[in-house]
Amino acid sequence: MATKILAISSADAGYFGLLRDMVLSVKQQQGLPALEFAFFDLGLTEPQLEWLRGHTDRILTPQAHFDLPASSATPLLLAFLVRPFLPSYVPGFDIYLWIDSDVWLQSPDALLAMIAGAEQRGMAIAHENEPGYRFQPWLFLWTAKHFLIGYGPARGAWLLSRPHLNAGIFAIARDAPHWDAWADRYRVAIERTGRLTPHDQFALNQAIYQGRLDVAILPAGANWICDRGVPMWNDDAEAFCEPYAPYRVLSALHLAGPAKRATYQIQRTGGGTFETMIRYGARPTAAAVAA
């Protein structure tokens, strides 16, 4: 029997444009296995929901977990709680593939690697230990603070020394132990700190590294965080690429943080630059190419 794969994301009305771009970019990829969609509604308008219903009938409402009262958080905050529990929202799939709404694809390679990693090892996720990323002191201090507060000095410092794993895209097999391990670590972090975020991702890192879970850890090109490393434009491939030779095309571009709204000066492998937001469909203008 064919593997049943569910791709899941979430958005509110303000993020709908990004979510739409993500869906369209996934659906245009050739070579992907059949997959279905589900979406958490965090405050979408009726026209936006109608557009999503053209792609799935699985519109989900995030629930409170860990015995938290439903009134304890907004739908946006509740959405951080759902990811360790995805199989309970939509049972019956073999692989659950999470894709943040601010991610879009240039090639199917990232999702193919995620799916294969989940099939073979239970989970796949990409790391952030990437030479093309710039060092951002504020991000390091923010990460260090939450690791130390959430996990204690010794454990937090050890986790900080590991290549950080970014949960913007990941795939987990239905029966993998990763779900329960993640939920257990997340519950402890919430009880220790009283915060839901950023411990959704931090607890996953702890579960993987300290729980010694089997995971396919993929390179950053499977989840390229654009504001940390502004990509170049590969003129031959006509696509965004790593900012160093051999200028490999990036499969998944993640517009985390300011990249959702920022405009960047993009260097081209053939020389010159062009200015653009790194949104789905962005490319040099005809005038920029001619120059």
C-alpha atoms as a PDB file:
ATOM      1  CA  MET A   1       0.000   0.000   0.000  1.00  0.00           C
ATOM      2  CA  ALA A   2       1.131   3.559  -0.734  1.00  0.00           C
ATOM      3  CA  THR A   3       2.359   5.612   2.201  1.00  0.00           C
ATOM      4  CA  LYS A   4      -0.315   8.085   3.308  1.00  0.00           C
ATOM      5  CA  ILE A   5       1.226  11.510   3.873  1.00  0.00           C
ATOM      6  CA  LEU A   6      -0.457  14.516   5.465  1.00  0.00           C
ATOM      7  CA  ALA A   7       1.031  18.009   5.121  1.00  0.00           C
ATOM      8  CA  ILE A   8      -0.127  20.318   7.919  1.00  0.00           C
ATOM      9  CA  SER A   9       0.243  24.046   8.524  1.00  0.00           C
ATOM     10  CA  SER A  10      -1.505  26.927  10.275  1.00  0.00           C
ATOM     11  CA  ALA A  11      -2.244  30.613   9.812  1.00  0.00           C
ATOM     12  CA  ASP A  12      -4.344  33.538  10.887  1.00  0.00           C
ATOM     13  CA  ALA A  13      -5.737  36.167   8.528  1.00  0.00           C
ATOM     14  CA  GLY A  14      -2.487  38.120   8.503  1.00  0.00           C
ATOM     15  CA  TYR A  15      -0.427  35.085   7.480  1.00  0.00           C
ATOM     16  CA  PHE A  16      -2.870  33.778   4.893  1.00  0.00           C
ATOM     17  CA  GLY A  17      -0.912  35.179   1.941  1.00  0.00           C
ATOM     18  CA  LEU A  18       2.166  33.271   3.090  1.00  0.00           C
ATOM     19  CA  LEU A  19       0.127  30.099   3.632  1.00  0.00           C
ATOM     20  CA  ARG A  20      -1.357  30.376   0.149  1.00  0.00           C
ATOM     21  CA  ASP A  21       2.131  30.764  -1.334  1.00  0.00           C
ATOM     22  CA  MET A  22       3.312  27.692   0.569  1.00  0.00           C
ATOM     23  CA  VAL A  23       0.425  25.573  -0.714  1.00  0.00           C
ATOM     24  CA  LEU A  24       0.851  26.721  -4.313  1.00  0.00           C
ATOM     25  CA  SER A  25       4.607  26.136  -4.193  1.00  0.00           C
ATOM     26  CA  VAL A  26       4.105  22.584  -2.880  1.00  0.00           C
ATOM     27  CA  LYS A  27       1.457  21.738  -5.439  1.00  0.00           C
ATOM     28  CA  GLN A  28       3.622  22.863  -8.347  1.00  0.00           C
ATOM     29  CA  GLN A  29       6.443  20.442  -7.462  1.00  0.00           C
ATOM     30  CA  GLN A  30       6.809  17.446  -9.733  1.00  0.00           C
ATOM     31  CA  GLY A  31       8.003  14.134  -8.301  1.00  0.00           C
ATOM     32  CA  LEU A  32       6.377  14.390  -4.882  1.00  0.00           C
ATOM     33  CA  PRO A  33       4.346  11.401  -3.694  1.00  0.00           C
ATOM     34  CA  ALA A  34       0.626  11.953  -3.236  1.00  0.00           C
ATOM     35  CA  LEU A  35      -0.032  13.998  -0.123  1.00  0.00           C
ATOM     36  CA  GLU A  36      -3.059  15.605   1.462  1.00  0.00           C
ATOM     37  CA  PHE A  37      -3.374  18.874   3.376  1.00  0.00           C
ATOM     38  CA  ALA A  38      -4.807  19.977   6.718  1.00  0.00           C
ATOM     39  CA  PHE A  39      -4.784  23.481   8.191  1.00  0.00           C
ATOM     40  CA  PHE A  40      -5.246  24.917  11.666  1.00  0.00           C
ATOM     41  CA  ASP A  41      -7.519  27.947  11.577  1.00  0.00           C
ATOM     42  CA  LEU A  42      -5.995  30.583  13.875  1.00  0.00           C
ATOM     43  CA  GLY A  43      -8.393  33.343  12.854  1.00  0.00           C
ATOM     44  CA  LEU A  44      -8.913  33.141   9.105  1.00  0.00           C
ATOM     45  CA  THR A  45     -11.658  35.018   7.280  1.00  0.00           C
ATOM     46  CA  GLU A  46     -14.450  33.195   5.489  1.00  0.00           C
ATOM     47  CA  PRO A  47     -13.050  33.949   1.989  1.00  0.00           C
ATOM     48  CA  GLN A  48      -9.671  32.632   3.135  1.00  0.00           C
ATOM     49  CA  LEU A  49     -11.262  29.476   4.527  1.00  0.00           C
ATOM     50  CA  GLU A  50     -13.139  29.043   1.274  1.00  0.00           C
ATOM     51  CA  TRP A  51      -9.838  29.125  -0.637  1.00  0.00           C
ATOM     52  CA  LEU A  52      -8.379  26.477   1.689  1.00  0.00           C
ATOM     53  CA  ARG A  53     -11.458  24.288   1.256  1.00  0.00           C
ATOM     54  CA  GLY A  54     -10.482  24.096  -2.395  1.00  0.00           C
ATOM     55  CA  HIS A  55      -7.477  22.080  -1.245  1.00  0.00           C
ATOM     56  CA  THR A  56      -8.822  20.115   1.733  1.00  0.00           C
ATOM     57  CA  ASP A  57     -11.852  19.568   3.929  1.00  0.00           C
ATOM     58  CA  ARG A  58      -9.598  19.290   6.993  1.00  0.00           C
ATOM     59  CA  ILE A  59      -9.823  22.681   8.676  1.00  0.00           C
ATOM     60  CA  LEU A  60      -8.738  22.159  12.289  1.00  0.00           C
ATOM     61  CA  THR A  61      -9.167  24.045  15.543  1.00  0.00           C
ATOM     62  CA  PRO A  62      -6.188  24.005  17.945  1.00  0.00           C
ATOM     63  CA  GLN A  63      -6.983  22.637  21.392  1.00  0.00           C
ATOM     64  CA  ALA A  64      -5.335  23.217  24.754  1.00  0.00           C
ATOM     65  CA  HIS A  65      -3.030  20.372  25.827  1.00  0.00           C
ATOM     66  CA  PHE A  66      -1.121  19.500  29.004  1.00  0.00           C
ATOM     67  CA  ASP A  67      -4.274  20.073  31.083  1.00  0.00           C
ATOM     68  CA  LEU A  68      -4.192  23.785  30.297  1.00  0.00           C
ATOM     69  CA  PRO A  69      -7.583  25.518  30.252  1.00  0.00           C
ATOM     70  CA  ALA A  70      -8.808  26.485  26.796  1.00  0.00           C
ATOM     71  CA  SER A  71      -8.963  30.096  27.964  1.00  0.00           C
ATOM     72  CA  SER A  72      -5.251  30.111  28.831  1.00  0.00           C
ATOM     73  CA  ALA A  73      -4.098  31.273  25.427  1.00  0.00           C
ATOM     74  CA  THR A  74      -5.144  32.758  22.106  1.00  0.00           C
ATOM     75  CA  PRO A  75      -5.560  30.456  19.080  1.00  0.00           C
ATOM     76  CA  LEU A  76      -2.124  31.616  17.893  1.00  0.00           C
ATOM     77  CA  LEU A  77      -0.460  30.499  21.126  1.00  0.00           C
ATOM     78  CA  LEU A  78      -2.489  27.291  21.245  1.00  0.00           C
ATOM     79  CA  ALA A  79      -1.113  26.487  17.799  1.00  0.00           C
ATOM     80  CA  PHE A  80       2.326  25.998  19.338  1.00  0.00           C
ATOM     81  CA  LEU A  81       0.909  23.239  21.538  1.00  0.00           C
ATOM     82  CA  VAL A  82      -0.554  21.111  18.763  1.00  0.00           C
ATOM     83  CA  ARG A  83       2.504  19.841  16.962  1.00  0.00           C
ATOM     84  CA  PRO A  84       3.418  16.956  19.319  1.00  0.00           C
ATOM     85  CA  PHE A  85      -0.193  15.773  18.955  1.00  0.00           C
ATOM     86  CA  LEU A  86      -0.785  15.949  15.191  1.00  0.00           C
ATOM     87  CA  PRO A  87      -1.835  12.275  14.767  1.00  0.00           C
ATOM     88  CA  SER A  88      -4.653  12.796  17.258  1.00  0.00           C
ATOM     89  CA  TYR A  89      -6.130  15.613  15.152  1.00  0.00           C
ATOM     90  CA  VAL A  90      -6.134  13.718  11.870  1.00  0.00           C
ATOM     91  CA  PRO A  91      -5.687   9.958  12.434  1.00  0.00           C
ATOM     92  CA  GLY A  92      -4.953   7.459   9.727  1.00  0.00           C
ATOM     93  CA  PHE A  93      -1.830   8.787   8.026  1.00  0.00           C
ATOM     94  CA  ASP A  94       1.608   7.161   7.948  1.00  0.00           C
ATOM     95  CA  ILE A  95       3.722  10.337   7.783  1.00  0.00           C
ATOM     96  CA  TYR A  96       2.876  13.746   9.246  1.00  0.00           C
ATOM     97  CA  LEU A  97       4.719  16.541   7.458  1.00  0.00           C
ATOM     98  CA  TRP A  98       4.633  19.937   9.159  1.00  0.00           C
ATOM     99  CA  ILE A  99       5.360  22.995   6.982  1.00  0.00           C
ATOM    100  CA  ASP A 100       5.248  26.488   8.503  1.00  0.00           C
ATOM    101  CA  SER A 101       3.102  28.927   6.565  1.00  0.00           C
ATOM    102  CA  ASP A 102       6.143  31.161   5.928  1.00  0.00           C
ATOM    103  CA  VAL A 103       7.988  28.440   4.009  1.00  0.00           C
ATOM    104  CA  TRP A 104       7.867  27.996   0.243  1.00  0.00           C
ATOM    105  CA  LEU A 105       9.470  25.488  -2.096  1.00  0.00           C
ATOM    106  CA  GLN A 106      11.692  25.828  -5.149  1.00  0.00           C
ATOM    107  CA  SER A 107      12.166  22.082  -5.595  1.00  0.00           C
ATOM    108  CA  PRO A 108      10.699  18.881  -4.138  1.00  0.00           C
ATOM    109  CA  ASP A 109      14.039  17.785  -2.644  1.00  0.00           C
ATOM    110  CA  ALA A 110      13.379  19.019   0.914  1.00  0.00           C
ATOM    111  CA  LEU A 111      10.040  17.265   1.247  1.00  0.00           C
ATOM    112  CA  LEU A 112      11.336  14.097  -0.412  1.00  0.00           C
ATOM    113  CA  ALA A 113      14.214  13.965   2.086  1.00  0.00           C
ATOM    114  CA  MET A 114      11.866  14.670   4.990  1.00  0.00           C
ATOM    115  CA  ILE A 115       9.480  11.901   3.969  1.00  0.00           C
ATOM    116  CA  ALA A 116      12.285   9.388   3.356  1.00  0.00           C
ATOM    117  CA  GLY A 117      13.904  10.243   6.685  1.00  0.00           C
ATOM    118  CA  ALA A 118      10.636   9.725   8.560  1.00  0.00           C
ATOM    119  CA  GLU A 119      10.038   6.408   6.804  1.00  0.00           C
ATOM    120  CA  GLN A 120      13.536   5.113   7.527  1.00  0.00           C
ATOM    121  CA  ARG A 121      14.320   6.614  10.939  1.00  0.00           C
ATOM    122  CA  GLY A 122      11.062   7.859  12.400  1.00  0.00           C
ATOM    123  CA  MET A 123      11.754  11.573  11.947  1.00  0.00           C
ATOM    124  CA  ALA A 124      13.531  14.066   9.708  1.00  0.00           C
ATOM    125  CA  ILE A 125      14.367  17.720  10.400  1.00  0.00           C
ATOM    126  CA  ALA A 126      16.976  20.267   9.220  1.00  0.00           C
ATOM    127  CA  HIS A 127      19.743  21.848  11.298  1.00  0.00           C
ATOM    128  CA  GLU A 128      20.819  25.509  11.533  1.00  0.00           C
ATOM    129  CA  ASN A 129      24.584  24.866  11.711  1.00  0.00           C
ATOM    130  CA  GLU A 130      25.208  26.499   8.352  1.00  0.00           C
ATOM    131  CA  PRO A 131      28.353  28.377   7.211  1.00  0.00           C
ATOM    132  CA  GLY A 132      26.210  30.634   5.034  1.00  0.00           C
ATOM    133  CA  TYR A 133      24.345  32.004   8.062  1.00  0.00           C
ATOM    134  CA  ARG A 134      25.572  35.191   9.727  1.00  0.00           C
ATOM    135  CA  PHE A 135      26.126  35.278  13.460  1.00  0.00           C
ATOM    136  CA  GLN A 136      23.353  37.262  15.149  1.00  0.00           C
ATOM    137  CA  PRO A 137      24.265  38.100  18.761  1.00  0.00           C
ATOM    138  CA  TRP A 138      20.656  38.838  19.757  1.00  0.00           C
ATOM    139  CA  LEU A 139      19.544  35.423  18.478  1.00  0.00           C
ATOM    140  CA  PHE A 140      22.332  33.599  20.301  1.00  0.00           C
ATOM    141  CA  LEU A 141      21.531  35.400  23.574  1.00  0.00           C
ATOM    142  CA  TRP A 142      17.799  34.776  23.159  1.00  0.00           C
ATOM    143  CA  THR A 143      18.408  31.079  22.498  1.00  0.00           C
ATOM    144  CA  ALA A 144      20.850  30.799  25.411  1.00  0.00           C
ATOM    145  CA  LYS A 145      18.429  32.505  27.793  1.00  0.00           C
ATOM    146  CA  HIS A 146      15.565  30.140  27.013  1.00  0.00           C
ATOM    147  CA  PHE A 147      17.713  27.006  27.071  1.00  0.00           C
ATOM    148  CA  LEU A 148      19.149  27.968  30.472  1.00  0.00           C
ATOM    149  CA  ILE A 149      15.799  29.021  31.947  1.00  0.00           C
ATOM    150  CA  GLY A 150      13.904  26.079  30.535  1.00  0.00           C
ATOM    151  CA  TYR A 151      16.400  23.263  31.076  1.00  0.00           C
ATOM    152  CA  GLY A 152      18.785  24.348  33.834  1.00  0.00           C
ATOM    153  CA  PRO A 153      22.402  25.588  33.576  1.00  0.00           C
ATOM    154  CA  ALA A 154      24.192  22.305  32.785  1.00  0.00           C
ATOM    155  CA  ARG A 155      21.578  20.790  30.495  1.00  0.00           C
ATOM    156  CA  GLY A 156      20.834  24.128  28.844  1.00  0.00           C
ATOM    157  CA  ALA A 157      24.510  24.809  28.101  1.00  0.00           C
ATOM    158  CA  TRP A 158      24.920  21.327  26.620  1.00  0.00           C
ATOM    159  CA  LEU A 159      21.873  21.766  24.403  1.00  0.00           C
ATOM    160  CA  LEU A 160      23.172  25.153  23.303  1.00  0.00           C
ATOM    161  CA  SER A 161      26.338  23.436  22.069  1.00  0.00           C
ATOM    162  CA  ARG A 162      24.374  21.130  19.742  1.00  0.00           C
ATOM    163  CA  PRO A 163      23.442  22.114  16.159  1.00  0.00           C
ATOM    164  CA  HIS A 164      20.024  23.689  16.623  1.00  0.00           C
ATOM    165  CA  LEU A 165      17.186  21.921  14.815  1.00  0.00           C
ATOM    166  CA  ASN A 166      14.524  24.143  13.291  1.00  0.00           C
ATOM    167  CA  ALA A 167      10.921  22.928  13.409  1.00  0.00           C
ATOM    168  CA  GLY A 168       9.737  25.040  10.478  1.00  0.00           C
ATOM    169  CA  ILE A 169       9.595  21.801   8.488  1.00  0.00           C
ATOM    170  CA  PHE A 170       9.743  18.286   9.864  1.00  0.00           C
ATOM    171  CA  ALA A 171       8.261  14.858   9.215  1.00  0.00           C
ATOM    172  CA  ILE A 172       7.452  12.193  11.797  1.00  0.00           C
ATOM    173  CA  ALA A 173       6.074   8.711  11.259  1.00  0.00           C
ATOM    174  CA  ARG A 174       2.735   7.921  12.890  1.00  0.00           C
ATOM    175  CA  ASP A 175       4.023   5.318  15.353  1.00  0.00           C
ATOM    176  CA  ALA A 176       7.411   6.913  16.059  1.00  0.00           C
ATOM    177  CA  PRO A 177       8.402   7.471  19.715  1.00  0.00           C
ATOM    178  CA  HIS A 178       9.243  11.081  18.933  1.00  0.00           C
ATOM    179  CA  TRP A 179       5.683  12.305  19.546  1.00  0.00           C
ATOM    180  CA  ASP A 180       5.525  11.208  23.192  1.00  0.00           C
ATOM    181  CA  ALA A 181       9.134  12.178  23.902  1.00  0.00           C
ATOM    182  CA  TRP A 182       8.506  15.662  22.526  1.00  0.00           C
ATOM    183  CA  ALA A 183       5.263  16.088  24.480  1.00  0.00           C
ATOM    184  CA  ASP A 184       6.902  14.927  27.724  1.00  0.00           C
ATOM    185  CA  ARG A 185       9.791  17.390  27.413  1.00  0.00           C
ATOM    186  CA  TYR A 186       7.440  20.181  26.381  1.00  0.00           C
ATOM    187  CA  ARG A 187       5.197  19.630  29.401  1.00  0.00           C
ATOM    188  CA  VAL A 188       8.172  19.868  31.784  1.00  0.00           C
ATOM    189  CA  ALA A 189       9.425  23.067  30.126  1.00  0.00           C
ATOM    190  CA  ILE A 190       5.983  24.701  30.406  1.00  0.00           C
ATOM    191  CA  GLU A 191       5.717  23.725  34.070  1.00  0.00           C
ATOM    192  CA  ARG A 192       9.204  25.054  34.746  1.00  0.00           C
ATOM    193  CA  THR A 193       8.858  28.370  32.892  1.00  0.00           C
ATOM    194  CA  GLY A 194       5.120  29.040  32.572  1.00  0.00           C
ATOM    195  CA  ARG A 195       5.714  29.803  28.875  1.00  0.00           C
ATOM    196  CA  LEU A 196       4.377  28.035  25.786  1.00  0.00           C
ATOM    197  CA  THR A 197       6.973  29.526  23.452  1.00  0.00           C
ATOM    198  CA  PRO A 198       9.711  29.066  22.381  1.00  0.00           C
ATOM    199  CA  HIS A 199       9.697  25.713  24.146  1.00  0.00           C
ATOM    200  CA  ASP A 200       7.765  23.964  21.396  1.00  0.00           C
ATOM    201  CA  GLN A 201      10.984  23.916  19.336  1.00  0.00           C
ATOM    202  CA  PHE A 202      13.429  23.870  22.237  1.00  0.00           C
ATOM    203  CA  ALA A 203      11.738  20.857  23.830  1.00  0.00           C
ATOM    204  CA  LEU A 204      11.966  19.038  20.515  1.00  0.00           C
ATOM    205  CA  ASN A 205      15.723  19.670  20.453  1.00  0.00           C
ATOM    206  CA  GLN A 206      16.005  18.320  23.989  1.00  0.00           C
ATOM    207  CA  ALA A 207      13.921  15.234  23.179  1.00  0.00           C
ATOM    208  CA  ILE A 208      16.084  14.442  20.155  1.00  0.00           C
ATOM    209  CA  TYR A 209      19.505  15.076  21.661  1.00  0.00           C
ATOM    210  CA  GLN A 210      19.082  13.946  25.255  1.00  0.00           C
ATOM    211  CA  GLY A 211      16.579  11.226  24.419  1.00  0.00           C
ATOM    212  CA  ARG A 212      18.971   9.918  21.743  1.00  0.00           C
ATOM    213  CA  LEU A 213      16.127   9.574  19.282  1.00  0.00           C
ATOM    214  CA  ASP A 214      16.888   8.280  15.831  1.00  0.00           C
ATOM    215  CA  VAL A 215      16.508  11.243  13.468  1.00  0.00           C
ATOM    216  CA  ALA A 216      17.561  12.052   9.914  1.00  0.00           C
ATOM    217  CA  ILE A 217      19.183  15.480  10.356  1.00  0.00           C
ATOM    218  CA  LEU A 218      19.139  17.280   7.008  1.00  0.00           C
ATOM    219  CA  PRO A 219      21.273  20.185   5.769  1.00  0.00           C
ATOM    220  CA  ALA A 220      20.038  23.753   6.028  1.00  0.00           C
ATOM    221  CA  GLY A 221      19.074  23.834   2.351  1.00  0.00           C
ATOM    222  CA  ALA A 222      16.045  21.750   3.311  1.00  0.00           C
ATOM    223  CA  ASN A 223      14.847  24.666   5.472  1.00  0.00           C
ATOM    224  CA  TRP A 224      16.886  27.749   4.577  1.00  0.00           C
ATOM    225  CA  ILE A 225      16.275  30.638   7.006  1.00  0.00           C
ATOM    226  CA  CYS A 226      16.570  33.600   4.671  1.00  0.00           C
ATOM    227  CA  ASP A 227      17.219  36.405   7.150  1.00  0.00           C
ATOM    228  CA  ARG A 228      20.104  34.459   8.692  1.00  0.00           C
ATOM    229  CA  GLY A 229      21.737  33.879   5.328  1.00  0.00           C
ATOM    230  CA  VAL A 230      20.475  36.001   2.444  1.00  0.00           C
ATOM    231  CA  PRO A 231      20.468  33.684  -0.584  1.00  0.00           C
ATOM    232  CA  MET A 232      21.978  34.484  -3.963  1.00  0.00           C
ATOM    233  CA  TRP A 233      20.281  34.124  -7.320  1.00  0.00           C
ATOM    234  CA  ASN A 234      21.607  31.370  -9.581  1.00  0.00           C
ATOM    235  CA  ASP A 235      21.251  32.793 -13.081  1.00  0.00           C
ATOM    236  CA  ASP A 236      21.679  29.408 -14.753  1.00  0.00           C
ATOM    237  CA  ALA A 237      19.091  27.624 -12.609  1.00  0.00           C
ATOM    238  CA  GLU A 238      16.875  30.733 -12.330  1.00  0.00           C
ATOM    239  CA  ALA A 239      16.393  30.119  -8.630  1.00  0.00           C
ATOM    240  CA  PHE A 240      17.600  31.255  -5.210  1.00  0.00           C
ATOM    241  CA  CYS A 241      20.730  29.409  -4.140  1.00  0.00           C
ATOM    242  CA  GLU A 242      23.297  29.077  -1.373  1.00  0.00           C
ATOM    243  CA  PRO A 243      25.434  32.239  -1.110  1.00  0.00           C
ATOM    244  CA  TYR A 244      28.676  30.403  -1.917  1.00  0.00           C
ATOM    245  CA  ALA A 245      30.056  28.096  -4.613  1.00  0.00           C
ATOM    246  CA  PRO A 246      28.877  25.800  -6.125  1.00  0.00           C
ATOM    247  CA  TYR A 247      25.646  27.815  -5.652  1.00  0.00           C
ATOM    248  CA  ARG A 248      23.322  24.895  -5.038  1.00  0.00           C
ATOM    249  CA  VAL A 249      19.650  25.703  -5.445  1.00  0.00           C
ATOM    250  CA  LEU A 250      17.811  25.916  -2.128  1.00  0.00           C
ATOM    251  CA  SER A 251      14.847  23.594  -1.914  1.00  0.00           C
ATOM    252  CA  ALA A 252      12.854  25.257   0.881  1.00  0.00           C
ATOM    253  CA  LEU A 253      13.032  28.955   1.747  1.00  0.00           C
ATOM    254  CA  HIS A 254      11.893  29.902   5.258  1.00  0.00           C
ATOM    255  CA  LEU A 255      10.832  33.523   5.763  1.00  0.00           C
ATOM    256  CA  ALA A 256      11.242  33.427   9.539  1.00  0.00           C
ATOM    257  CA  GLY A 257      11.330  36.687  11.477  1.00  0.00           C
ATOM    258  CA  PRO A 258      11.855  39.889   9.469  1.00  0.00           C
ATOM    259  CA  ALA A 259      12.150  38.051   6.131  1.00  0.00           C
ATOM    260  CA  LYS A 260       8.348  38.056   5.844  1.00  0.00           C
ATOM    261  CA  ARG A 261       8.381  41.796   5.183  1.00  0.00           C
ATOM    262  CA  ALA A 262      11.994  42.766   4.432  1.00  0.00           C
ATOM    263  CA  THR A 263      13.426  43.651   1.059  1.00  0.00           C
ATOM    264  CA  TYR A 264      16.895  42.294   0.279  1.00  0.00           C
ATOM    265  CA  GLN A 265      19.649  43.143  -2.169  1.00  0.00           C
ATOM    266  CA  ILE A 266      20.218  39.804  -3.909  1.00  0.00           C
ATOM    267  CA  GLN A 267      23.544  39.100  -5.582  1.00  0.00           C
ATOM    268  CA  ARG A 268      23.466  37.142  -8.828  1.00  0.00           C
ATOM    269  CA  THR A 269      25.932  34.440  -9.824  1.00  0.00           C
ATOM    270  CA  GLY A 270      26.280  36.105 -13.224  1.00  0.00           C
ATOM    271  CA  GLY A 271      27.122  39.455 -11.660  1.00  0.00           C
ATOM    272  CA  GLY A 272      25.040  42.375 -10.479  1.00  0.00           C
ATOM    273  CA  THR A 273      22.244  42.537  -7.944  1.00  0.00           C
ATOM    274  CA  PHE A 274      18.513  43.044  -7.747  1.00  0.00           C
ATOM    275  CA  GLU A 275      16.238  44.132  -4.914  1.00  0.00           C
ATOM    276  CA  THR A 276      13.281  42.013  -3.856  1.00  0.00           C
ATOM    277  CA  MET A 277      11.338  40.400  -1.066  1.00  0.00           C
ATOM    278  CA  ILE A 278      12.099  36.667  -1.034  1.00  0.00           C
ATOM    279  CA  ARG A 279       8.481  35.678  -1.599  1.00  0.00           C
ATOM    280  CA  TYR A 280       7.151  32.838  -3.733  1.00  0.00           C
ATOM    281  CA  GLY A 281       7.638  33.729  -7.400  1.00  0.00           C
ATOM    282  CA  ALA A 282      10.258  36.437  -6.788  1.00  0.00           C
ATOM    283  CA  ARG A 283      12.858  36.762  -9.529  1.00  0.00           C
ATOM    284  CA  PRO A 284      14.939  39.465 -11.249  1.00  0.00           C
ATOM    285  CA  THR A 285      13.008  41.799 -13.527  1.00  0.00           C
ATOM    286  CA  ALA A 286      13.742  41.752 -17.235  1.00  0.00           C
ATOM    287  CA  ALA A 287      15.613  45.034 -16.802  1.00  0.00           C
ATOM    288  CA  ALA A 288      17.788  43.577 -14.053  1.00  0.00           C
ATOM    289  CA  VAL A 289      18.631  40.526 -16.187  1.00  0.00           C
ATOM    290  CA  ALA A 290      19.508  42.727 -19.162  1.00  0.00           C
ATOM    291  CA  ALA A 291      21.798  44.828 -16.987  1.00  0.00           C
END
